Amino acid sequence: MAQTYYSLPRPVRRILVLVLGAPLLAAGLAMLVLPGPGLPVIAVAFAVFALEFESAKRVAERASRLVRGIGDRLR
């Protein structure tokens, strides 16, 4: 599947990422005040956005380091 994704033209890939990531992000934000796993869904949305957007990749990597650091401290 990855080979198929990267064979698409860049504008099509970006639209595809936006169409998949935006509803995930909206659902995650809604779940922050409604019942549900809001933060993990937001993390998945940023992982989807990180496929095409460098700024989202930096945010996802920074959040990953933060979570790992918290996990290390709890051990």
Protein backbone atom coordinates (compact mmCIF):
# COMPACT_ATOMS: atom_id res chain seq x y z
CA MET A 1 0.00 0.00 0.00
CA ALA A 2 2.81 2.43 0.81
CA GLN A 3 4.17 2.07 -2.69
CA THR A 4 0.75 2.93 -4.11
CA TYR A 5 0.40 5.95 -1.79
CA TYR A 6 3.76 7.43 -2.75
CA SER A 7 3.13 6.86 -6.45
CA LEU A 8 0.25 9.36 -6.32
CA PRO A 9 0.97 12.98 -7.26
CA ARG A 10 1.81 15.15 -4.26
CA PRO A 11 -1.34 17.34 -4.41
CA VAL A 12 -3.50 14.21 -4.41
CA ARG A 13 -1.58 12.79 -1.43
CA ARG A 14 -2.02 16.02 0.51
CA ILE A 15 -5.76 16.11 -0.15
CA LEU A 16 -6.03 12.45 0.87
CA VAL A 17 -4.15 13.15 4.10
CA LEU A 18 -6.38 16.13 4.85
CA VAL A 19 -9.56 14.16 4.13
CA LEU A 20 -8.46 11.37 6.49
CA GLY A 21 -6.75 13.44 9.17
CA ALA A 22 -9.21 16.31 9.65
CA PRO A 23 -12.15 14.16 10.83
CA LEU A 24 -9.81 12.26 13.14
CA LEU A 25 -8.55 15.49 14.66
CA ALA A 26 -12.09 16.86 15.02
CA ALA A 27 -13.25 13.64 16.68
CA GLY A 28 -10.26 13.67 19.04
CA LEU A 29 -10.90 17.26 20.03
CA ALA A 30 -14.57 16.47 20.64
CA MET A 31 -13.56 13.49 22.78
CA LEU A 32 -11.61 15.78 25.07
CA VAL A 33 -14.95 16.99 26.45
CA LEU A 34 -17.08 13.97 25.50
CA PRO A 35 -16.51 10.39 26.60
CA GLY A 36 -13.82 8.70 24.58
CA PRO A 37 -10.05 8.42 24.06
CA GLY A 38 -9.40 11.97 22.87
CA LEU A 39 -5.62 12.16 23.20
CA PRO A 40 -4.86 8.87 21.41
CA VAL A 41 -7.18 9.85 18.54
CA ILE A 42 -5.46 13.23 18.25
CA ALA A 43 -2.10 11.42 18.19
CA VAL A 44 -3.33 9.21 15.33
CA ALA A 45 -4.53 12.30 13.46
CA PHE A 46 -1.09 13.88 13.79
CA ALA A 47 0.51 10.64 12.60
CA VAL A 48 -1.68 10.80 9.49
CA PHE A 49 -0.83 14.48 8.95
CA ALA A 50 2.87 13.68 9.43
CA LEU A 51 2.81 11.61 6.25
CA GLU A 52 2.77 14.82 4.20
CA PHE A 53 3.30 17.82 6.47
CA GLU A 54 6.69 18.46 8.06
CA SER A 55 5.24 20.64 10.84
CA ALA A 56 2.89 17.83 11.91
CA LYS A 57 5.83 15.43 11.86
CA ARG A 58 7.77 17.69 14.23
CA VAL A 59 4.78 17.93 16.59
CA ALA A 60 4.27 14.15 16.53
CA GLU A 61 7.96 13.51 17.24
CA ARG A 62 8.00 16.03 20.08
CA ALA A 63 4.88 14.49 21.65
CA SER A 64 6.40 11.04 21.29
CA ARG A 65 9.57 12.13 23.11
CA LEU A 66 7.46 13.73 25.85
CA VAL A 67 5.41 10.57 26.37
CA ARG A 68 8.53 8.39 26.40
CA GLY A 69 10.13 10.69 28.97
CA ILE A 70 7.08 10.49 31.20
CA GLY A 71 7.07 6.70 30.83
CA ASP A 72 10.75 6.52 31.78
CA ARG A 73 10.15 8.62 34.89
CA LEU A 74 7.26 6.42 35.97
CA ARG A 75 9.43 3.30 35.78
